[in-house]
Amino acid sequence: MPHSIRSMLATLSEGVINNEQYLYEVKWDGYRITAYVQKTKVRLESWAD
């Protein structure tokens, strides 16, 4: 398992790119959680934005 990775952080912009190659999701303020899974082991890491 990797020791640690960081999630991608959202970037504020004026609008969205009108292109079918892009996907978007709403970014709500709060927590991001990364789950590491290896066979029967699970580790969760979280941090506030």
PDB file of N, CA and C in Angstrom:
ATOM      1  N   MET A   1       0.842  -1.174   0.000  1.00  0.00           N
ATOM      2  CA  MET A   1       0.000   0.000   0.000  1.00  0.00           C
ATOM      3  C   MET A   1       0.887   1.236   0.000  1.00  0.00           C
ATOM      4  N   PRO A   2       0.474   2.273  -0.701  1.00  0.00           N
ATOM      5  CA  PRO A   2       1.247   3.519  -0.630  1.00  0.00           C
ATOM      6  C   PRO A   2       1.203   4.086   0.779  1.00  0.00           C
ATOM      7  N   HIS A   3       2.253   4.758   1.164  1.00  0.00           N
ATOM      8  CA  HIS A   3       2.281   5.370   2.496  1.00  0.00           C
ATOM      9  C   HIS A   3       1.222   6.457   2.596  1.00  0.00           C
ATOM     10  N   SER A   4       1.121   7.301   1.563  1.00  0.00           N
ATOM     11  CA  SER A   4       0.130   8.369   1.576  1.00  0.00           C
ATOM     12  C   SER A   4       0.024   8.989   0.188  1.00  0.00           C
ATOM     13  N   ILE A   5      -1.180   9.428  -0.185  1.00  0.00           N
ATOM     14  CA  ILE A   5      -1.398  10.214  -1.397  1.00  0.00           C
ATOM     15  C   ILE A   5      -2.333  11.355  -1.042  1.00  0.00           C
ATOM     16  N   ARG A   6      -2.340  12.395  -1.845  1.00  0.00           N
ATOM     17  CA  ARG A   6      -3.240  13.519  -1.616  1.00  0.00           C
ATOM     18  C   ARG A   6      -4.290  13.541  -2.716  1.00  0.00           C
ATOM     19  N   SER A   7      -5.533  13.812  -2.338  1.00  0.00           N
ATOM     20  CA  SER A   7      -6.599  13.940  -3.322  1.00  0.00           C
ATOM     21  C   SER A   7      -6.397  15.205  -4.144  1.00  0.00           C
ATOM     22  N   MET A   8      -6.980  15.218  -5.333  1.00  0.00           N
ATOM     23  CA  MET A   8      -6.949  16.429  -6.148  1.00  0.00           C
ATOM     24  C   MET A   8      -7.805  17.487  -5.468  1.00  0.00           C
ATOM     25  N   LEU A   9      -7.330  18.704  -5.434  1.00  0.00           N
ATOM     26  CA  LEU A   9      -8.085  19.787  -4.822  1.00  0.00           C
ATOM     27  C   LEU A   9      -8.834  20.568  -5.888  1.00  0.00           C
ATOM     28  N   ALA A  10     -10.001  21.032  -5.533  1.00  0.00           N
ATOM     29  CA  ALA A  10     -10.814  21.813  -6.466  1.00  0.00           C
ATOM     30  C   ALA A  10     -10.186  23.189  -6.684  1.00  0.00           C
ATOM     31  N   THR A  11     -10.405  23.744  -7.858  1.00  0.00           N
ATOM     32  CA  THR A  11      -9.904  25.079  -8.193  1.00  0.00           C
ATOM     33  C   THR A  11     -11.079  25.968  -8.569  1.00  0.00           C
ATOM     34  N   LEU A  12     -11.173  27.117  -7.943  1.00  0.00           N
ATOM     35  CA  LEU A  12     -12.247  28.056  -8.227  1.00  0.00           C
ATOM     36  C   LEU A  12     -12.071  28.632  -9.632  1.00  0.00           C
ATOM     37  N   SER A  13     -13.169  28.708 -10.381  1.00  0.00           N
ATOM     38  CA  SER A  13     -13.121  29.309 -11.716  1.00  0.00           C
ATOM     39  C   SER A  13     -14.401  30.094 -11.959  1.00  0.00           C
ATOM     40  N   GLU A  14     -14.394  30.905 -13.013  1.00  0.00           N
ATOM     41  CA  GLU A  14     -15.548  31.734 -13.356  1.00  0.00           C
ATOM     42  C   GLU A  14     -16.665  30.922 -14.006  1.00  0.00           C
ATOM     43  N   GLY A  15     -16.338  29.826 -14.656  1.00  0.00           N
ATOM     44  CA  GLY A  15     -17.342  29.018 -15.343  1.00  0.00           C
ATOM     45  C   GLY A  15     -16.757  27.670 -15.727  1.00  0.00           C
ATOM     46  N   VAL A  16     -17.511  26.906 -16.493  1.00  0.00           N
ATOM     47  CA  VAL A  16     -17.045  25.590 -16.919  1.00  0.00           C
ATOM     48  C   VAL A  16     -16.662  25.625 -18.395  1.00  0.00           C
ATOM     49  N   ILE A  17     -15.797  24.701 -18.779  1.00  0.00           N
ATOM     50  CA  ILE A  17     -15.396  24.574 -20.172  1.00  0.00           C
ATOM     51  C   ILE A  17     -16.478  23.803 -20.907  1.00  0.00           C
ATOM     52  N   ASN A  18     -16.963  24.328 -22.009  1.00  0.00           N
ATOM     53  CA  ASN A  18     -18.006  23.667 -22.792  1.00  0.00           C
ATOM     54  C   ASN A  18     -17.348  22.684 -23.764  1.00  0.00           C
ATOM     55  N   ASN A  19     -17.032  21.482 -23.264  1.00  0.00           N
ATOM     56  CA  ASN A  19     -16.329  20.485 -24.059  1.00  0.00           C
ATOM     57  C   ASN A  19     -16.764  19.097 -23.568  1.00  0.00           C
ATOM     58  N   GLU A  20     -17.159  18.226 -24.473  1.00  0.00           N
ATOM     59  CA  GLU A  20     -17.640  16.888 -24.092  1.00  0.00           C
ATOM     60  C   GLU A  20     -16.547  16.019 -23.478  1.00  0.00           C
ATOM     61  N   GLN A  21     -15.281  16.404 -23.597  1.00  0.00           N
ATOM     62  CA  GLN A  21     -14.188  15.618 -23.030  1.00  0.00           C
ATOM     63  C   GLN A  21     -14.011  15.868 -21.529  1.00  0.00           C
ATOM     64  N   TYR A  22     -14.736  16.829 -20.963  1.00  0.00           N
ATOM     65  CA  TYR A  22     -14.618  17.156 -19.550  1.00  0.00           C
ATOM     66  C   TYR A  22     -15.838  16.658 -18.787  1.00  0.00           C
ATOM     67  N   LEU A  23     -15.605  16.168 -17.560  1.00  0.00           N
ATOM     68  CA  LEU A  23     -16.667  15.795 -16.625  1.00  0.00           C
ATOM     69  C   LEU A  23     -16.544  16.690 -15.402  1.00  0.00           C
ATOM     70  N   TYR A  24     -17.650  16.970 -14.758  1.00  0.00           N
ATOM     71  CA  TYR A  24     -17.650  17.868 -13.610  1.00  0.00           C
ATOM     72  C   TYR A  24     -18.413  17.251 -12.456  1.00  0.00           C
ATOM     73  N   GLU A  25     -18.036  17.670 -11.256  1.00  0.00           N
ATOM     74  CA  GLU A  25     -18.785  17.294 -10.068  1.00  0.00           C
ATOM     75  C   GLU A  25     -18.851  18.514  -9.154  1.00  0.00           C
ATOM     76  N   VAL A  26     -19.896  18.588  -8.365  1.00  0.00           N
ATOM     77  CA  VAL A  26     -20.036  19.679  -7.413  1.00  0.00           C
ATOM     78  C   VAL A  26     -19.020  19.465  -6.303  1.00  0.00           C
ATOM     79  N   LYS A  27     -18.318  20.502  -5.930  1.00  0.00           N
ATOM     80  CA  LYS A  27     -17.343  20.413  -4.844  1.00  0.00           C
ATOM     81  C   LYS A  27     -17.968  21.069  -3.623  1.00  0.00           C
ATOM     82  N   TRP A  28     -18.344  20.263  -2.645  1.00  0.00           N
ATOM     83  CA  TRP A  28     -18.897  20.775  -1.402  1.00  0.00           C
ATOM     84  C   TRP A  28     -17.757  20.935  -0.407  1.00  0.00           C
ATOM     85  N   ASP A  29     -17.772  22.007   0.388  1.00  0.00           N
ATOM     86  CA  ASP A  29     -16.758  22.178   1.415  1.00  0.00           C
ATOM     87  C   ASP A  29     -16.934  21.097   2.469  1.00  0.00           C
ATOM     88  N   GLY A  30     -15.839  20.624   2.992  1.00  0.00           N
ATOM     89  CA  GLY A  30     -15.916  19.597   4.024  1.00  0.00           C
ATOM     90  C   GLY A  30     -14.701  18.703   4.004  1.00  0.00           C
ATOM     91  N   TYR A  31     -14.921  17.429   4.164  1.00  0.00           N
ATOM     92  CA  TYR A  31     -13.837  16.462   4.294  1.00  0.00           C
ATOM     93  C   TYR A  31     -13.662  15.638   3.027  1.00  0.00           C
ATOM     94  N   ARG A  32     -12.435  15.235   2.778  1.00  0.00           N
ATOM     95  CA  ARG A  32     -12.116  14.280   1.720  1.00  0.00           C
ATOM     96  C   ARG A  32     -11.514  13.064   2.412  1.00  0.00           C
ATOM     97  N   ILE A  33     -11.892  11.887   1.963  1.00  0.00           N
ATOM     98  CA  ILE A  33     -11.399  10.655   2.567  1.00  0.00           C
ATOM     99  C   ILE A  33     -10.776   9.798   1.481  1.00  0.00           C
ATOM    100  N   THR A  34      -9.582   9.300   1.763  1.00  0.00           N
ATOM    101  CA  THR A  34      -8.915   8.370   0.856  1.00  0.00           C
ATOM    102  C   THR A  34      -8.897   7.007   1.531  1.00  0.00           C
ATOM    103  N   ALA A  35      -9.352   5.977   0.810  1.00  0.00           N
ATOM    104  CA  ALA A  35      -9.356   4.608   1.349  1.00  0.00           C
ATOM    105  C   ALA A  35      -8.252   3.812   0.667  1.00  0.00           C
ATOM    106  N   TYR A  36      -7.440   3.151   1.454  1.00  0.00           N
ATOM    107  CA  TYR A  36      -6.409   2.247   0.956  1.00  0.00           C
ATOM    108  C   TYR A  36      -6.874   0.835   1.271  1.00  0.00           C
ATOM    109  N   VAL A  37      -6.976  -0.022   0.265  1.00  0.00           N
ATOM    110  CA  VAL A  37      -7.466  -1.386   0.453  1.00  0.00           C
ATOM    111  C   VAL A  37      -6.437  -2.358  -0.119  1.00  0.00           C
ATOM    112  N   GLN A  38      -6.037  -3.338   0.695  1.00  0.00           N
ATOM    113  CA  GLN A  38      -5.110  -4.377   0.249  1.00  0.00           C
ATOM    114  C   GLN A  38      -5.523  -5.683   0.926  1.00  0.00           C
ATOM    115  N   LYS A  39      -6.093  -6.569   0.124  1.00  0.00           N
ATOM    116  CA  LYS A  39      -6.630  -7.846   0.616  1.00  0.00           C
ATOM    117  C   LYS A  39      -7.598  -7.582   1.764  1.00  0.00           C
ATOM    118  N   THR A  40      -7.268  -7.968   2.989  1.00  0.00           N
ATOM    119  CA  THR A  40      -8.193  -7.784   4.118  1.00  0.00           C
ATOM    120  C   THR A  40      -7.868  -6.550   4.949  1.00  0.00           C
ATOM    121  N   LYS A  41      -6.925  -5.728   4.512  1.00  0.00           N
ATOM    122  CA  LYS A  41      -6.552  -4.521   5.253  1.00  0.00           C
ATOM    123  C   LYS A  41      -7.179  -3.286   4.599  1.00  0.00           C
ATOM    124  N   VAL A  42      -7.727  -2.414   5.433  1.00  0.00           N
ATOM    125  CA  VAL A  42      -8.290  -1.154   4.959  1.00  0.00           C
ATOM    126  C   VAL A  42      -7.763  -0.047   5.865  1.00  0.00           C
ATOM    127  N   ARG A  43      -7.309   1.040   5.240  1.00  0.00           N
ATOM    128  CA  ARG A  43      -6.853   2.206   6.003  1.00  0.00           C
ATOM    129  C   ARG A  43      -7.549   3.435   5.406  1.00  0.00           C
ATOM    130  N   LEU A  44      -8.110   4.287   6.270  1.00  0.00           N
ATOM    131  CA  LEU A  44      -8.772   5.514   5.831  1.00  0.00           C
ATOM    132  C   LEU A  44      -7.978   6.711   6.323  1.00  0.00           C
ATOM    133  N   GLU A  45      -7.808   7.698   5.438  1.00  0.00           N
ATOM    134  CA  GLU A  45      -7.178   8.956   5.814  1.00  0.00           C
ATOM    135  C   GLU A  45      -8.124  10.089   5.433  1.00  0.00           C
ATOM    136  N   SER A  46      -8.213  11.103   6.271  1.00  0.00           N
ATOM    137  CA  SER A  46      -9.069  12.246   5.934  1.00  0.00           C
ATOM    138  C   SER A  46      -8.404  13.528   6.422  1.00  0.00           C
ATOM    139  N   TRP A  47      -8.822  14.629   5.817  1.00  0.00           N
ATOM    140  CA  TRP A  47      -8.366  15.947   6.227  1.00  0.00           C
ATOM    141  C   TRP A  47      -9.417  16.945   5.786  1.00  0.00           C
ATOM    142  N   ALA A  48      -9.480  18.045   6.486  1.00  0.00           N
ATOM    143  CA  ALA A  48     -10.433  19.095   6.141  1.00  0.00           C
ATOM    144  C   ALA A  48      -9.857  19.934   5.017  1.00  0.00           C
ATOM    145  N   ASP A  49     -10.721  20.401   4.142  1.00  0.00           N
ATOM    146  CA  ASP A  49     -10.284  21.294   3.058  1.00  0.00           C
ATOM    147  C   ASP A  49     -10.021  22.674   3.595  1.00  0.00           C
TER     148      ASP A  49
END
